[in-house]
Protein backbone atom coordinates (compact mmCIF):
# COMPACT_ATOMS: atom_id res chain seq x y z
CA UNK A 1 -21.18 -30.62 33.15
CA UNK A 2 -24.67 -29.23 33.50
CA UNK A 3 -27.18 -30.21 31.17
CA UNK A 4 -27.82 -26.06 30.35
CA UNK A 5 -24.10 -25.96 29.75
CA UNK A 6 -23.66 -28.92 27.28
CA UNK A 7 -25.54 -27.68 24.64
CA UNK A 8 -23.17 -24.92 24.23
CA UNK A 9 -20.91 -27.06 22.18
CA UNK A 10 -24.00 -27.54 19.54
CA UNK A 11 -23.03 -24.39 18.10
CA UNK A 12 -20.14 -24.85 15.90
CA UNK A 13 -21.47 -26.83 12.55
CA UNK A 14 -21.59 -25.34 9.77
CA UNK A 15 -24.53 -24.53 7.99
CA UNK A 16 -24.16 -25.39 4.44
CA UNK A 17 -27.60 -24.44 2.75
CA UNK A 18 -30.21 -21.75 2.19
CA UNK A 19 -32.62 -21.64 5.19
CA UNK A 20 -36.43 -20.26 4.78
CA UNK A 21 -38.14 -20.96 8.54
CA UNK A 22 -41.31 -19.46 9.75
CA UNK A 23 -43.19 -19.32 13.18
CA UNK A 24 -47.04 -18.41 12.68
CA UNK A 25 -47.56 -17.98 15.63
CA UNK A 26 -45.86 -14.63 16.29
CA UNK A 27 -44.87 -14.19 12.48
CA UNK A 28 -41.54 -14.31 13.05
CA UNK A 29 -39.20 -14.95 9.72
CA UNK A 30 -35.83 -15.91 9.48
CA UNK A 31 -34.02 -15.74 6.01
CA UNK A 32 -30.06 -16.95 5.90
CA UNK A 33 -28.31 -16.56 2.82
CA UNK A 34 -24.93 -17.85 2.94
CA UNK A 35 -23.22 -16.42 0.12
CA UNK A 36 -19.80 -17.11 -1.83
CA UNK A 37 -17.77 -15.78 1.42
CA UNK A 38 -18.03 -18.03 4.26
CA UNK A 39 -17.21 -15.86 6.72
CA UNK A 40 -20.40 -14.38 6.61
CA UNK A 41 -23.87 -15.09 7.19
CA UNK A 42 -26.39 -12.59 5.96
CA UNK A 43 -29.93 -12.66 8.09
CA UNK A 44 -33.39 -10.27 8.53
CA UNK A 45 -33.61 -11.57 12.04
CA UNK A 46 -32.61 -13.83 15.11
CA UNK A 47 -35.90 -13.88 16.14
CA UNK A 48 -37.22 -17.92 15.79
CA UNK A 49 -37.52 -20.73 18.06
CA UNK A 50 -36.12 -24.52 17.55
CA UNK A 51 -39.56 -25.40 19.13
CA UNK A 52 -42.97 -26.16 17.43
CA UNK A 53 -46.64 -26.78 18.82
CA UNK A 54 -48.85 -29.67 17.76
CA UNK A 55 -51.02 -27.01 15.28
CA UNK A 56 -47.88 -25.01 13.65
CA UNK A 57 -47.40 -24.33 10.18
CA UNK A 58 -44.02 -25.01 10.36
CA UNK A 59 -44.32 -28.90 11.41
CA UNK A 60 -45.88 -29.18 7.51
CA UNK A 61 -43.21 -26.79 6.22
CA UNK A 62 -40.11 -28.98 7.46
CA UNK A 63 -39.39 -30.08 3.93
CA UNK A 64 -39.23 -26.84 2.17
CA UNK A 65 -36.83 -25.02 5.09
CA UNK A 66 -34.22 -25.59 2.58
CA UNK A 67 -36.07 -24.84 -0.74
CA UNK A 68 -37.65 -22.35 -2.02
CA UNK A 69 -36.72 -19.03 -1.87
CA UNK A 70 -34.95 -17.09 -4.55
CA UNK A 71 -31.17 -17.53 -3.86
CA UNK A 72 -30.77 -13.91 -5.80
CA UNK A 73 -32.29 -12.25 -2.94
CA UNK A 74 -30.53 -9.48 -1.19
CA UNK A 75 -29.91 -9.71 2.37
CA UNK A 76 -27.25 -6.54 2.76
CA UNK A 77 -29.37 -4.78 5.07
CA UNK A 78 -29.73 -7.45 7.36
CA UNK A 79 -27.37 -7.98 10.73
CA UNK A 80 -24.15 -9.95 10.18
CA UNK A 81 -22.84 -13.12 12.31
CA UNK A 82 -19.87 -15.07 12.01
CA UNK A 83 -20.25 -18.60 9.87
CA UNK A 84 -19.32 -20.61 12.94
CA UNK A 85 -22.52 -19.25 14.33
CA UNK A 86 -26.41 -21.12 12.71
CA UNK A 87 -29.54 -21.60 13.71
CA UNK A 88 -29.14 -23.81 16.97
CA UNK A 89 -26.93 -20.95 18.43
CA UNK A 90 -29.42 -18.09 18.07
CA UNK A 91 -32.54 -21.02 19.42
CA UNK A 92 -29.46 -21.21 22.47
CA UNK A 93 -31.40 -19.33 25.14
CA UNK A 94 -35.06 -21.09 24.86
CA UNK A 95 -33.08 -24.44 24.78
CA UNK A 96 -31.14 -23.16 27.86
CA UNK A 97 -34.86 -21.77 29.60
CA UNK A 98 -36.27 -25.12 28.99
CA UNK A 99 -33.97 -26.54 30.55
CA UNK A 100 -33.59 -24.57 32.98
CA UNK A 101 -37.67 -24.54 33.79
CA UNK A 102 -37.10 -28.89 33.86
CA UNK A 103 -34.24 -28.54 36.84
CA UNK A 104 -36.28 -26.30 38.27
CA UNK A 105 -39.25 -28.59 38.53
CA UNK A 106 -37.22 -31.42 39.45
CA UNK A 107 -35.80 -29.78 42.30
CA UNK A 108 -38.74 -29.19 43.31
CA UNK A 109 -40.42 -32.28 43.44
CA UNK A 110 -37.39 -34.16 44.99
CA UNK A 111 -35.29 -32.21 46.32
CA UNK A 112 -32.07 -30.22 45.14
CA UNK A 113 -29.78 -33.15 46.80
CA UNK A 114 -31.38 -35.69 44.72
CA UNK A 115 -31.58 -34.10 41.81
CA UNK A 116 -27.61 -33.28 41.89
CA UNK A 117 -27.41 -36.99 42.70
CA UNK A 118 -29.20 -37.84 39.68
CA UNK A 119 -32.13 -39.48 41.03
CA UNK A 120 -35.26 -39.95 39.23
CA UNK A 121 -33.90 -38.27 35.88
CA UNK A 122 -36.30 -38.82 32.86
CA UNK A 123 -36.49 -41.37 30.56
CA UNK A 124 -36.28 -41.88 26.90
CA UNK A 125 -38.52 -43.60 24.89
CA UNK A 126 -36.89 -44.54 21.45
CA UNK A 127 -40.73 -45.15 19.46
CA UNK A 128 -41.38 -46.82 16.10
CA UNK A 129 -43.98 -44.51 13.99
CA UNK A 130 -43.92 -47.21 10.73
CA UNK A 131 -43.88 -46.19 7.42
CA UNK A 132 -46.32 -43.49 7.20
CA UNK A 133 -49.99 -45.06 8.00
CA UNK A 134 -50.97 -43.36 11.26
CA UNK A 135 -53.44 -46.54 10.89
CA UNK A 136 -50.18 -48.96 11.87
CA UNK A 137 -48.94 -47.26 14.79
CA UNK A 138 -48.79 -49.64 17.91
CA UNK A 139 -51.23 -48.97 20.52
CA UNK A 140 -47.97 -48.52 22.90
CA UNK A 141 -46.97 -45.86 20.46
CA UNK A 142 -49.78 -44.04 20.50
CA UNK A 143 -50.12 -43.62 23.83
CA UNK A 144 -46.54 -42.05 24.43
CA UNK A 145 -47.08 -40.00 21.63
CA UNK A 146 -50.36 -38.15 22.35
CA UNK A 147 -49.07 -38.14 26.25
CA UNK A 148 -45.67 -36.90 25.77
CA UNK A 149 -44.63 -33.22 27.29
CA UNK A 150 -41.12 -33.47 24.45
CA UNK A 151 -41.01 -34.80 21.59
CA UNK A 152 -37.85 -35.13 18.92
CA UNK A 153 -39.07 -36.15 14.96
CA UNK A 154 -37.49 -37.37 12.18
CA UNK A 155 -38.06 -36.03 8.44
CA UNK A 156 -40.13 -39.50 7.99
CA UNK A 157 -42.31 -38.83 10.94
CA UNK A 158 -45.62 -38.15 8.64
CA UNK A 159 -47.59 -35.53 9.03
CA UNK A 160 -50.70 -37.53 10.08
CA UNK A 161 -48.73 -39.41 12.88
CA UNK A 162 -48.02 -35.34 14.24
CA UNK A 163 -51.68 -34.75 14.35
CA UNK A 164 -51.75 -37.36 17.19
CA UNK A 165 -49.34 -35.56 19.51
CA UNK A 166 -50.94 -33.72 22.17
CA UNK A 167 -52.14 -30.14 22.20
CA UNK A 168 -49.27 -28.37 24.99
CA UNK A 169 -46.41 -31.13 23.65
CA UNK A 170 -43.43 -29.37 22.63
CA UNK A 171 -41.75 -30.40 19.25
CA UNK A 172 -38.16 -30.34 17.91
CA UNK A 173 -37.12 -30.81 14.50
CA UNK A 174 -33.75 -33.04 13.86
CA UNK A 175 -34.48 -34.19 10.78
CA UNK A 176 -32.03 -35.75 8.02
CA UNK A 177 -32.01 -35.40 4.10
CA UNK A 178 -29.47 -36.17 1.44
CA UNK A 179 -27.14 -33.86 1.87
CA UNK A 180 -28.50 -32.05 5.09
CA UNK A 181 -28.94 -32.56 8.71
CA UNK A 182 -30.10 -30.20 10.50
CA UNK A 183 -28.81 -31.59 13.36
CA UNK A 184 -25.78 -34.12 13.35
CA UNK A 185 -26.20 -37.54 15.52
CA UNK A 186 -24.20 -36.29 17.64
CA UNK A 187 -25.97 -33.23 18.26
CA UNK A 188 -29.23 -35.25 18.61
CA UNK A 189 -27.43 -37.66 21.74
CA UNK A 190 -26.24 -34.21 23.51
CA UNK A 191 -30.27 -33.04 23.42
CA UNK A 192 -31.95 -36.18 24.17
CA UNK A 193 -29.34 -36.54 27.37
CA UNK A 194 -29.88 -33.13 28.08
CA UNK A 195 -33.06 -33.34 28.12
CA UNK A 196 -33.14 -36.61 30.36
CA UNK A 197 -31.05 -35.25 33.10
CA UNK A 198 -33.38 -32.14 33.38
CA UNK A 199 -35.92 -34.50 34.07
CA UNK A 200 -37.67 -34.76 31.34
CA UNK A 201 -39.45 -37.72 29.99
CA UNK A 202 -38.41 -37.30 26.07
CA UNK A 203 -40.72 -39.47 23.42
CA UNK A 204 -37.71 -39.73 20.06
CA UNK A 205 -39.88 -40.58 17.69
CA UNK A 206 -38.67 -42.17 14.10
CA UNK A 207 -39.94 -43.74 10.98
CA UNK A 208 -40.52 -47.44 10.43
CA UNK A 209 -38.53 -49.16 13.20
CA UNK A 210 -35.96 -47.29 15.16
CA UNK A 211 -33.94 -50.26 15.29
CA UNK A 212 -33.79 -50.90 11.39
CA UNK A 213 -31.45 -49.14 9.87
CA UNK A 214 -32.73 -46.36 11.98
CA UNK A 215 -29.60 -45.33 14.11
CA UNK A 216 -31.43 -46.00 17.15
CA UNK A 217 -29.16 -48.50 18.60
CA UNK A 218 -26.90 -45.85 18.68
CA UNK A 219 -28.86 -43.24 20.82
CA UNK A 220 -29.65 -46.14 22.83
CA UNK A 221 -26.45 -47.24 23.59
CA UNK A 222 -24.75 -43.72 24.34
CA UNK A 223 -27.45 -42.54 27.03
CA UNK A 224 -27.23 -46.09 28.34
CA UNK A 225 -23.60 -45.60 28.88
CA UNK A 226 -24.90 -41.88 30.60
CA UNK A 227 -27.08 -43.85 33.01
CA UNK A 228 -30.13 -43.01 31.39
CA UNK A 229 -33.02 -45.38 30.94
CA UNK A 230 -33.96 -46.06 27.50
CA UNK A 231 -37.22 -48.08 26.23
CA UNK A 232 -37.55 -48.73 22.80
CA UNK A 233 -41.33 -49.33 21.02
CA UNK A 234 -41.35 -51.46 17.63
CA UNK A 235 -42.68 -49.87 15.06
CA UNK A 236 -44.09 -51.69 11.60
CA UNK A 237 -40.73 -51.19 9.34
CA UNK A 238 -41.34 -50.10 5.90
CA UNK A 239 -40.32 -53.36 4.57
CA UNK A 240 -43.27 -55.23 6.19
CA UNK A 241 -45.95 -52.07 5.89
CA UNK A 242 -45.16 -51.60 1.93
CA UNK A 243 -44.75 -55.06 1.07
CA UNK A 244 -48.22 -55.59 2.50
CA UNK A 245 -49.45 -52.34 1.06
CA UNK A 246 -48.47 -53.69 -2.23
CA UNK A 247 -50.04 -57.75 -1.98
CA UNK A 248 -46.27 -58.62 -1.75
CA UNK A 249 -45.46 -61.55 0.40
CA UNK A 250 -41.60 -61.27 1.14
CA UNK A 251 -41.43 -64.64 2.04
CA UNK A 252 -43.53 -67.59 0.15
CA UNK A 253 -43.04 -71.06 -0.07
CA UNK A 254 -41.07 -72.47 -3.41
CA UNK A 255 -40.40 -68.64 -4.64
CA UNK A 256 -38.12 -66.95 -1.57
CA UNK A 257 -36.86 -68.95 1.30
CA UNK A 258 -35.45 -65.85 3.21
CA UNK A 259 -35.45 -62.08 3.24
CA UNK A 260 -32.94 -59.62 3.27
CA UNK A 261 -32.26 -55.96 4.32
CA UNK A 262 -30.34 -54.01 2.73
CA UNK A 263 -28.67 -50.02 3.14
CA UNK A 264 -28.08 -48.26 -0.03
CA UNK A 265 -26.43 -46.00 1.33
CA UNK A 266 -22.57 -46.02 0.00
CA UNK A 267 -19.85 -45.71 2.22
CA UNK A 268 -18.46 -42.03 1.33
CA UNK A 269 -21.35 -40.61 -0.74
CA UNK A 270 -20.42 -41.94 -3.68
CA UNK A 271 -22.52 -44.47 -6.11
CA UNK A 272 -20.51 -47.81 -4.95
CA UNK A 273 -23.60 -49.52 -2.05
CA UNK A 274 -21.81 -50.39 1.30
CA UNK A 275 -22.38 -53.95 1.63
CA UNK A 276 -20.81 -56.87 -1.08
CA UNK A 277 -23.74 -57.79 -3.98
CA UNK A 278 -22.35 -61.03 -4.67
CA UNK A 279 -23.45 -62.32 -1.41
CA UNK A 280 -26.83 -60.47 -2.10
CA UNK A 281 -27.47 -61.81 -5.14
CA UNK A 282 -29.79 -64.93 -4.40
CA UNK A 283 -32.46 -65.95 -6.75
CA UNK A 284 -34.08 -67.95 -3.87
CA UNK A 285 -34.53 -64.19 -1.81
CA UNK A 286 -36.14 -61.41 -1.41
CA UNK A 287 -34.06 -57.71 -1.08
CA UNK A 288 -35.34 -54.79 0.58
CA UNK A 289 -32.99 -51.83 -0.01
CA UNK A 290 -33.56 -48.79 2.27
CA UNK A 291 -32.13 -45.24 1.18
CA UNK A 292 -30.77 -47.23 -2.22
CA UNK A 293 -32.53 -44.47 -4.84
CA UNK A 294 -28.65 -43.18 -5.49
CA UNK A 295 -27.00 -46.29 -5.41
CA UNK A 296 -29.50 -48.37 -7.52
CA UNK A 297 -27.77 -48.40 -10.87
CA UNK A 298 -24.20 -49.70 -9.22
CA UNK A 299 -26.19 -52.01 -7.09
CA UNK A 300 -28.43 -53.35 -10.06
CA UNK A 301 -25.48 -53.88 -12.25
CA UNK A 302 -23.84 -55.45 -9.33
CA UNK A 303 -26.28 -58.42 -9.12
CA UNK A 304 -26.74 -59.10 -12.62
CA UNK A 305 -23.21 -59.49 -12.81
CA UNK A 306 -23.63 -62.00 -10.01
CA UNK A 307 -26.46 -63.57 -11.14
CA UNK A 308 -29.28 -62.51 -10.27
CA UNK A 309 -31.60 -62.90 -13.62
CA UNK A 310 -31.83 -59.36 -15.80
CA UNK A 311 -35.74 -60.23 -15.97
CA UNK A 312 -35.94 -60.25 -11.72
CA UNK A 313 -39.41 -58.84 -10.63
CA UNK A 314 -38.90 -55.06 -8.82
CA UNK A 315 -40.59 -52.60 -7.24
CA UNK A 316 -39.70 -49.11 -6.15
CA UNK A 317 -42.25 -47.27 -3.52
CA UNK A 318 -42.24 -43.51 -2.86
CA UNK A 319 -43.84 -42.40 0.68
CA UNK A 320 -45.14 -46.23 0.81
CA UNK A 321 -48.50 -46.39 2.65
CA UNK A 322 -49.41 -42.84 2.26
CA UNK A 323 -51.60 -40.33 0.12
CA UNK A 324 -48.66 -39.84 -1.36
CA UNK A 325 -47.80 -43.16 -2.21
CA UNK A 326 -45.82 -43.61 -6.12
CA UNK A 327 -45.49 -47.00 -7.54
CA UNK A 328 -42.60 -47.94 -10.17
CA UNK A 329 -42.66 -51.62 -11.49
CA UNK A 330 -39.99 -52.95 -13.52
CA UNK A 331 -37.40 -55.83 -14.03
CA UNK A 332 -34.46 -55.46 -12.45
CA UNK A 333 -32.30 -54.36 -15.67
CA UNK A 334 -35.01 -51.51 -16.32
CA UNK A 335 -35.87 -50.03 -12.65
CA UNK A 336 -33.10 -47.50 -12.57
CA UNK A 337 -34.78 -45.67 -16.08
CA UNK A 338 -38.24 -46.91 -15.08
CA UNK A 339 -37.29 -44.35 -11.53
CA UNK A 340 -35.26 -42.17 -13.22
CA UNK A 341 -38.66 -41.02 -15.74
CA UNK A 342 -41.11 -40.98 -12.81
CA UNK A 343 -38.65 -38.64 -10.73
CA UNK A 344 -39.42 -40.78 -7.65
CA UNK A 345 -37.65 -39.00 -4.68
CA UNK A 346 -36.78 -39.96 -1.31
CA UNK A 347 -37.85 -41.54 0.76
CA UNK A 348 -38.11 -44.55 -1.45
CA UNK A 349 -37.95 -48.20 -1.15
CA UNK A 350 -37.04 -50.49 -3.25
CA UNK A 351 -38.13 -54.99 -3.13
CA UNK A 352 -36.39 -56.93 -5.40
CA UNK A 353 -37.13 -60.51 -5.98
CA UNK A 354 -39.81 -62.86 -7.43
CA UNK A 355 -42.26 -62.38 -5.14
CA UNK A 356 -42.61 -58.66 -6.73
CA UNK A 357 -44.94 -60.99 -9.44
CA UNK A 358 -47.25 -62.11 -6.95
CA UNK A 359 -48.85 -58.57 -6.42
CA UNK A 360 -52.14 -58.54 -8.32
CA UNK A 361 -49.95 -54.80 -9.34
CA UNK A 362 -47.91 -56.33 -10.96
CA UNK A 363 -49.96 -57.77 -13.31
CA UNK A 364 -51.67 -54.68 -13.94
CA UNK A 365 -48.11 -52.40 -14.42
CA UNK A 366 -47.78 -55.49 -17.33
CA UNK A 367 -51.09 -54.92 -19.03
CA UNK A 368 -50.03 -51.68 -18.99
CA UNK A 369 -47.02 -52.00 -21.04
CA UNK A 370 -48.78 -54.63 -23.06
CA UNK A 371 -51.19 -52.07 -23.96
CA UNK A 372 -48.76 -48.88 -24.84
CA UNK A 373 -46.50 -51.37 -26.97
CA UNK A 374 -49.67 -52.90 -28.87
CA UNK A 375 -50.73 -48.66 -29.16
CA UNK A 376 -47.09 -48.29 -30.74
């Protein structure tokens, strides 16, 4: 199957949310209203590109793509498409066009016979961008970001890092958030494969480290089985970057002799954590929970039931190391309530353990609580 044809099957996952997209260079907009009728989608136009450029406002609006539009707006005058058509189907012509250009360039450079035999296919670089602060990028990651022609990037790649992309680079957003995936993982696999087979050297940007809760291992395994060379550039994972920002040593002699990274995702999107809490309830270990906002109430309860002291210091950090960073310090028994009161949102990292009390910010937060109690 050719690289171009492989993209046809990417147009069959059903859309689930209202989407607002804007391409500033052409002032082209698309408004898709998903009505209660599952067989119909109302749109104003089909003129939309999947790609953005470095200076595109669309990059900085990516977190508003599925929100901010009045659900009461009427689109009855717009053209209609079937429910099994969605944005990637509308984008398919441009995807095909880019693949054809890449294929022609490869055949011109290496000859048609070598191209057909899979000689000189492109490489895929899985690049970790760290927790958000561009100063925490590795030198190797920076060089690849600045020189890449094509980048596929996630939601957690910060705007400051995207500003480092070369002026002529093409970017394709493949981010995920709770309840909405702009691309399924299978689609991301096929996109990476298609571009690499067409001869492109593709940079796959991921927040943090690509091999720590980043599904980089799945992408690497899929591509290697297809004969594509994958090179991994590690990034500073959120646990290390955020702990350093807050002055928290993840291990400390006499206090924490180990650190454990946990995923807060549940098996089927429920409130129960994926892992067994009794194995993690070690007062001499530091727990770092990724993607754990929704399952924290259940996790905290289970940890305390299995022996972790209720007054264990803990902190929740939203958008750590970025200018938007927000923090909530609390004892484990109070952490979920304080997070809810502060209205923290994803991405938020949780650090639980006695080492949290070593942060100078812990003492400051305790002093503030004491002052509030005395004021009452």
